[in-house]
Amino acid sequence: MIITIPLYVILFIYLGYLVVVGVFSFINFTHLFHSGSLTLVSFFVTLLMVALAIITLYFTFIFLNEVDWRQTLTLWNNEWISNTLNSSNF
């Protein structure tokens, strides 16, 4: 029995992660404005967080641009166990 999934499933999981991070970032920004704690330090920390997020997304796009997302990822293959048990390396 072989269990495989296409690689684009991992891309959907990453997209879900990005949505969650986006929601929490939006809540953070609105909290800064509604609580009146928008100071120079909080502005620069927020700007740093946004810049790091943009840089991370850019490099993610660059690194994953050439991946063939239709390839499959094997999660489980029964031959792995049978080859290990039947090997003569004991």
Protein backbone atom coordinates (compact mmCIF):
# COMPACT_ATOMS: atom_id res chain seq x y z
CA MET A 1 0.00 0.00 0.00
CA ILE A 2 1.39 3.37 -1.03
CA ILE A 3 0.04 6.64 0.36
CA THR A 4 0.93 9.70 -1.74
CA ILE A 5 -0.25 13.28 -1.91
CA PRO A 6 0.46 15.89 -4.57
CA LEU A 7 2.86 18.67 -3.58
CA TYR A 8 0.23 21.37 -4.12
CA VAL A 9 -1.48 20.18 -0.91
CA ILE A 10 1.52 21.60 0.97
CA LEU A 11 1.01 24.86 -0.95
CA PHE A 12 -2.60 25.02 0.27
CA ILE A 13 -1.43 24.43 3.85
CA TYR A 14 1.06 27.29 3.43
CA LEU A 15 -1.72 29.50 2.05
CA GLY A 16 -3.83 28.72 5.13
CA TYR A 17 -0.87 29.67 7.33
CA LEU A 18 -0.53 32.97 5.46
CA VAL A 19 -4.22 33.71 6.00
CA VAL A 20 -3.90 33.07 9.74
CA VAL A 21 -0.80 35.30 9.97
CA GLY A 22 -2.62 37.99 7.97
CA VAL A 23 -5.63 37.92 10.30
CA PHE A 24 -3.43 38.18 13.39
CA SER A 25 -1.45 41.01 11.80
CA PHE A 26 -4.66 42.88 11.03
CA ILE A 27 -5.81 42.42 14.64
CA ASN A 28 -2.42 43.70 15.81
CA PHE A 29 -2.63 46.82 13.63
CA THR A 30 -6.17 47.65 14.67
CA HIS A 31 -5.20 47.12 18.32
CA LEU A 32 -2.37 49.64 17.93
CA PHE A 33 -4.73 52.29 16.57
CA HIS A 34 -7.69 51.66 18.88
CA SER A 35 -5.67 51.52 22.07
CA GLY A 36 -3.77 54.70 21.28
CA SER A 37 -0.40 53.03 21.65
CA LEU A 38 0.89 54.14 18.27
CA THR A 39 4.27 55.50 19.33
CA LEU A 40 7.49 55.86 17.41
CA VAL A 41 8.84 52.58 18.81
CA SER A 42 5.68 50.62 18.01
CA PHE A 43 5.65 52.16 14.53
CA PHE A 44 9.23 51.01 13.82
CA VAL A 45 8.64 47.54 15.25
CA THR A 46 5.51 47.21 13.12
CA LEU A 47 7.40 48.48 10.09
CA LEU A 48 10.17 45.93 10.77
CA MET A 49 7.60 43.13 11.08
CA VAL A 50 5.96 44.11 7.77
CA ALA A 51 9.34 44.38 6.04
CA LEU A 52 10.42 40.94 7.28
CA ALA A 53 7.10 39.44 6.17
CA ILE A 54 7.48 40.95 2.69
CA ILE A 55 11.09 39.73 2.42
CA THR A 56 10.02 36.25 3.54
CA LEU A 57 7.22 36.14 0.97
CA TYR A 58 9.57 37.36 -1.77
CA PHE A 59 12.21 34.71 -1.08
CA THR A 60 9.51 32.04 -0.73
CA PHE A 61 8.26 33.00 -4.18
CA ILE A 62 11.80 32.94 -5.61
CA PHE A 63 12.67 29.53 -4.12
CA LEU A 64 9.35 27.84 -4.92
CA ASN A 65 8.90 29.31 -8.38
CA GLU A 66 10.52 26.39 -10.22
CA VAL A 67 8.86 23.57 -8.26
CA ASP A 68 6.65 21.21 -10.23
CA TRP A 69 3.62 21.17 -7.94
CA ARG A 70 2.06 18.19 -9.75
CA GLN A 71 4.74 15.83 -8.39
CA THR A 72 3.63 13.48 -5.66
CA LEU A 73 5.06 13.09 -2.18
CA THR A 74 5.13 9.53 -0.84
CA LEU A 75 4.06 9.46 2.79
CA TRP A 76 4.02 5.72 3.28
CA ASN A 77 5.17 2.74 1.27
CA ASN A 78 4.95 -0.82 2.61
CA GLU A 79 8.05 -1.78 0.65
CA TRP A 80 10.16 0.36 2.99
CA ILE A 81 9.40 -2.02 5.88
CA SER A 82 9.59 -5.22 3.83
CA ASN A 83 12.94 -4.20 2.32
CA THR A 84 14.28 -3.43 5.78
CA LEU A 85 13.10 -6.71 7.28
CA ASN A 86 14.23 -8.82 4.33
CA SER A 87 17.65 -7.27 3.97
CA SER A 88 20.65 -9.45 4.68
CA ASN A 89 22.56 -6.71 6.50
CA PHE A 90 21.71 -8.13 9.94
